Amino acid sequence: MKHTMILSMLAILLVVVSVSARPDQPNMQSARTNLQNAKANLIAASPNKGGHRAKAINLVNEAIAEVNRGIAFDRRHNHAILNALPDQPHMQAALEFLRNAKSDLERATSDKGGHRVNAIKLVDQAIDETKKGIEAGE
């Protein structure tokens, strides 16, 4: 009996260690990172793109928001027990990159045909969604 209980506890410990060692939604995190890198390059590009650059930034921001919502949904509905360790350091880093992007846009010259202002608004929305993702993950 004592031997069986020790083996059971050891098995539970192994499951806990293997679950906690597994990254939290690595594909979603990787997708978000790639989207953020794409956005950074779109922002760094010259603005004379006929409005297409700004539209691409908008779409990337929307995609980032969807990724954040997907991560939060997965934690609440599908894998809350398995994904017990949230990726708040990554979410905080994403938030910092978004804030840096906003700061860069605000320092850029203002004559961009309204596109710089639109990009700032979209980044603000992405910042809000990232904050909500952080809250959802806690």
C-alpha atoms as a PDB file:
ATOM      1  CA  MET A   1       0.000   0.000   0.000  1.00  0.00           C
ATOM      2  CA  LYS A   2       2.737   2.456   0.982  1.00  0.00           C
ATOM      3  CA  HIS A   3       4.731   1.508  -2.110  1.00  0.00           C
ATOM      4  CA  THR A   4       1.694   2.122  -4.355  1.00  0.00           C
ATOM      5  CA  MET A   5       1.074   5.527  -2.808  1.00  0.00           C
ATOM      6  CA  ILE A   6       4.687   6.568  -3.364  1.00  0.00           C
ATOM      7  CA  LEU A   7       4.502   5.461  -7.000  1.00  0.00           C
ATOM      8  CA  SER A   8       1.254   7.368  -7.475  1.00  0.00           C
ATOM      9  CA  MET A   9       2.745  10.531  -6.006  1.00  0.00           C
ATOM     10  CA  LEU A  10       5.823  10.126  -8.203  1.00  0.00           C
ATOM     11  CA  ALA A  11       3.611   9.763 -11.287  1.00  0.00           C
ATOM     12  CA  ILE A  12       1.692  12.913 -10.393  1.00  0.00           C
ATOM     13  CA  LEU A  13       4.945  14.787  -9.861  1.00  0.00           C
ATOM     14  CA  LEU A  14       6.212  13.695 -13.284  1.00  0.00           C
ATOM     15  CA  VAL A  15       3.017  14.928 -14.937  1.00  0.00           C
ATOM     16  CA  VAL A  16       3.246  18.290 -13.176  1.00  0.00           C
ATOM     17  CA  VAL A  17       6.907  18.713 -14.139  1.00  0.00           C
ATOM     18  CA  SER A  18       6.273  17.781 -17.770  1.00  0.00           C
ATOM     19  CA  VAL A  19       3.303  20.146 -18.016  1.00  0.00           C
ATOM     20  CA  SER A  20       5.136  23.058 -16.427  1.00  0.00           C
ATOM     21  CA  ALA A  21       8.151  22.491 -18.684  1.00  0.00           C
ATOM     22  CA  ARG A  22       5.979  22.753 -21.796  1.00  0.00           C
ATOM     23  CA  PRO A  23       5.795  26.275 -23.237  1.00  0.00           C
ATOM     24  CA  ASP A  24       2.441  27.998 -23.139  1.00  0.00           C
ATOM     25  CA  GLN A  25       0.992  27.903 -26.661  1.00  0.00           C
ATOM     26  CA  PRO A  26       4.306  28.125 -28.533  1.00  0.00           C
ATOM     27  CA  ASN A  27       2.750  28.355 -32.002  1.00  0.00           C
ATOM     28  CA  MET A  28       0.499  31.216 -30.979  1.00  0.00           C
ATOM     29  CA  GLN A  29       3.418  32.992 -29.321  1.00  0.00           C
ATOM     30  CA  SER A  30       5.565  32.481 -32.411  1.00  0.00           C
ATOM     31  CA  ALA A  31       2.792  33.786 -34.648  1.00  0.00           C
ATOM     32  CA  ARG A  32       2.415  36.869 -32.473  1.00  0.00           C
ATOM     33  CA  THR A  33       6.172  37.493 -32.578  1.00  0.00           C
ATOM     34  CA  ASN A  34       6.233  37.167 -36.351  1.00  0.00           C
ATOM     35  CA  LEU A  35       3.283  39.533 -36.652  1.00  0.00           C
ATOM     36  CA  GLN A  36       5.000  42.059 -34.401  1.00  0.00           C
ATOM     37  CA  ASN A  37       8.203  41.842 -36.425  1.00  0.00           C
ATOM     38  CA  ALA A  38       6.216  42.318 -39.632  1.00  0.00           C
ATOM     39  CA  LYS A  39       4.504  45.334 -38.129  1.00  0.00           C
ATOM     40  CA  ALA A  40       7.816  46.823 -37.026  1.00  0.00           C
ATOM     41  CA  ASN A  41       9.122  46.556 -40.560  1.00  0.00           C
ATOM     42  CA  LEU A  42       5.944  48.031 -42.033  1.00  0.00           C
ATOM     43  CA  ILE A  43       6.232  50.959 -39.658  1.00  0.00           C
ATOM     44  CA  ALA A  44       9.910  51.445 -40.523  1.00  0.00           C
ATOM     45  CA  ALA A  45       9.163  51.488 -44.264  1.00  0.00           C
ATOM     46  CA  SER A  46       8.775  54.794 -46.044  1.00  0.00           C
ATOM     47  CA  PRO A  47       5.172  55.991 -45.983  1.00  0.00           C
ATOM     48  CA  ASN A  48       4.768  56.667 -49.718  1.00  0.00           C
ATOM     49  CA  LYS A  49       2.844  53.462 -50.470  1.00  0.00           C
ATOM     50  CA  GLY A  50      -0.541  54.790 -51.564  1.00  0.00           C
ATOM     51  CA  GLY A  51      -2.163  53.921 -48.237  1.00  0.00           C
ATOM     52  CA  HIS A  52      -1.367  50.212 -48.556  1.00  0.00           C
ATOM     53  CA  ARG A  53       1.302  50.255 -45.844  1.00  0.00           C
ATOM     54  CA  ALA A  54      -1.179  51.718 -43.374  1.00  0.00           C
ATOM     55  CA  LYS A  55      -3.802  49.145 -44.354  1.00  0.00           C
ATOM     56  CA  ALA A  56      -1.259  46.363 -43.865  1.00  0.00           C
ATOM     57  CA  ILE A  57      -0.398  47.714 -40.410  1.00  0.00           C
ATOM     58  CA  ASN A  58      -4.103  47.719 -39.567  1.00  0.00           C
ATOM     59  CA  LEU A  59      -4.515  44.122 -40.669  1.00  0.00           C
ATOM     60  CA  VAL A  60      -1.439  43.059 -38.697  1.00  0.00           C
ATOM     61  CA  ASN A  61      -2.767  44.783 -35.604  1.00  0.00           C
ATOM     62  CA  GLU A  62      -6.089  43.032 -36.010  1.00  0.00           C
ATOM     63  CA  ALA A  63      -4.293  39.706 -36.418  1.00  0.00           C
ATOM     64  CA  ILE A  64      -2.264  40.332 -33.270  1.00  0.00           C
ATOM     65  CA  ALA A  65      -5.475  41.083 -31.396  1.00  0.00           C
ATOM     66  CA  GLU A  66      -7.011  37.837 -32.638  1.00  0.00           C
ATOM     67  CA  VAL A  67      -3.940  35.871 -31.552  1.00  0.00           C
ATOM     68  CA  ASN A  68      -4.170  37.423 -28.091  1.00  0.00           C
ATOM     69  CA  ARG A  69      -7.870  36.586 -27.884  1.00  0.00           C
ATOM     70  CA  GLY A  70      -7.139  33.032 -29.029  1.00  0.00           C
ATOM     71  CA  ILE A  71      -4.511  32.565 -26.341  1.00  0.00           C
ATOM     72  CA  ALA A  72      -6.889  33.881 -23.700  1.00  0.00           C
ATOM     73  CA  PHE A  73      -9.747  31.696 -24.972  1.00  0.00           C
ATOM     74  CA  ASP A  74      -7.588  28.589 -24.975  1.00  0.00           C
ATOM     75  CA  ARG A  75      -6.547  29.196 -21.401  1.00  0.00           C
ATOM     76  CA  ARG A  76     -10.126  29.654 -20.242  1.00  0.00           C
ATOM     77  CA  HIS A  77     -11.824  26.886 -22.208  1.00  0.00           C
ATOM     78  CA  ASN A  78      -9.563  24.159 -23.491  1.00  0.00           C
ATOM     79  CA  HIS A  79      -6.352  23.811 -21.608  1.00  0.00           C
ATOM     80  CA  ALA A  80      -6.650  25.793 -18.406  1.00  0.00           C
ATOM     81  CA  ILE A  81      -5.148  22.979 -16.353  1.00  0.00           C
ATOM     82  CA  LEU A  82      -2.383  22.092 -18.815  1.00  0.00           C
ATOM     83  CA  ASN A  83      -1.413  25.700 -19.434  1.00  0.00           C
ATOM     84  CA  ALA A  84      -1.237  26.683 -15.801  1.00  0.00           C
ATOM     85  CA  LEU A  85       1.817  28.870 -16.341  1.00  0.00           C
ATOM     86  CA  PRO A  86       0.821  32.005 -18.290  1.00  0.00           C
ATOM     87  CA  ASP A  87       3.257  33.717 -20.600  1.00  0.00           C
ATOM     88  CA  GLN A  88       3.033  37.110 -18.947  1.00  0.00           C
ATOM     89  CA  PRO A  89       6.701  37.943 -19.591  1.00  0.00           C
ATOM     90  CA  HIS A  90       6.025  37.575 -23.308  1.00  0.00           C
ATOM     91  CA  MET A  91       2.850  39.585 -23.116  1.00  0.00           C
ATOM     92  CA  GLN A  92       4.695  42.304 -21.218  1.00  0.00           C
ATOM     93  CA  ALA A  93       7.456  42.298 -23.859  1.00  0.00           C
ATOM     94  CA  ALA A  94       4.842  42.556 -26.623  1.00  0.00           C
ATOM     95  CA  LEU A  95       3.274  45.482 -24.816  1.00  0.00           C
ATOM     96  CA  GLU A  96       6.650  47.197 -24.559  1.00  0.00           C
ATOM     97  CA  PHE A  97       7.325  46.712 -28.296  1.00  0.00           C
ATOM     98  CA  LEU A  98       3.917  48.153 -29.111  1.00  0.00           C
ATOM     99  CA  ARG A  99       4.569  51.152 -26.883  1.00  0.00           C
ATOM    100  CA  ASN A 100       7.944  51.648 -28.558  1.00  0.00           C
ATOM    101  CA  ALA A 101       6.299  51.489 -31.984  1.00  0.00           C
ATOM    102  CA  LYS A 102       3.779  54.107 -30.891  1.00  0.00           C
ATOM    103  CA  SER A 103       6.558  56.330 -29.594  1.00  0.00           C
ATOM    104  CA  ASP A 104       8.401  56.033 -32.919  1.00  0.00           C
ATOM    105  CA  LEU A 105       5.243  56.948 -34.807  1.00  0.00           C
ATOM    106  CA  GLU A 106       4.644  59.937 -32.564  1.00  0.00           C
ATOM    107  CA  ARG A 107       8.196  61.188 -33.166  1.00  0.00           C
ATOM    108  CA  ALA A 108       7.868  60.821 -36.950  1.00  0.00           C
ATOM    109  CA  THR A 109       7.111  63.929 -38.981  1.00  0.00           C
ATOM    110  CA  SER A 110       3.406  64.606 -39.048  1.00  0.00           C
ATOM    111  CA  ASP A 111       2.928  65.055 -42.824  1.00  0.00           C
ATOM    112  CA  LYS A 112       1.946  61.521 -43.822  1.00  0.00           C
ATOM    113  CA  GLY A 113      -1.450  62.086 -45.379  1.00  0.00           C
ATOM    114  CA  GLY A 114      -3.181  60.980 -42.186  1.00  0.00           C
ATOM    115  CA  HIS A 115      -1.629  57.526 -42.321  1.00  0.00           C
ATOM    116  CA  ARG A 116       0.734  58.051 -39.407  1.00  0.00           C
ATOM    117  CA  VAL A 117      -2.203  59.117 -37.241  1.00  0.00           C
ATOM    118  CA  ASN A 118      -4.180  56.050 -38.361  1.00  0.00           C
ATOM    119  CA  ALA A 119      -1.228  53.794 -37.554  1.00  0.00           C
ATOM    120  CA  ILE A 120      -1.015  55.316 -34.071  1.00  0.00           C
ATOM    121  CA  LYS A 121      -4.710  54.604 -33.518  1.00  0.00           C
ATOM    122  CA  LEU A 122      -4.260  51.006 -34.626  1.00  0.00           C
ATOM    123  CA  VAL A 123      -1.260  50.548 -32.367  1.00  0.00           C
ATOM    124  CA  ASP A 124      -3.324  51.980 -29.510  1.00  0.00           C
ATOM    125  CA  GLN A 125      -5.948  49.341 -30.222  1.00  0.00           C
ATOM    126  CA  ALA A 126      -3.260  46.654 -30.269  1.00  0.00           C
ATOM    127  CA  ILE A 127      -1.957  47.951 -26.939  1.00  0.00           C
ATOM    128  CA  ASP A 128      -5.460  47.731 -25.478  1.00  0.00           C
ATOM    129  CA  GLU A 129      -5.915  44.178 -26.747  1.00  0.00           C
ATOM    130  CA  THR A 130      -2.537  43.126 -25.387  1.00  0.00           C
ATOM    131  CA  LYS A 131      -3.440  44.558 -21.989  1.00  0.00           C
ATOM    132  CA  LYS A 132      -6.710  42.637 -22.101  1.00  0.00           C
ATOM    133  CA  GLY A 133      -4.754  39.520 -22.996  1.00  0.00           C
ATOM    134  CA  ILE A 134      -2.537  40.027 -19.972  1.00  0.00           C
ATOM    135  CA  GLU A 135      -5.603  40.411 -17.774  1.00  0.00           C
ATOM    136  CA  ALA A 136      -7.232  37.313 -19.294  1.00  0.00           C
ATOM    137  CA  GLY A 137      -4.111  35.272 -18.671  1.00  0.00           C
ATOM    138  CA  GLU A 138      -3.873  36.090 -14.975  1.00  0.00           C
END
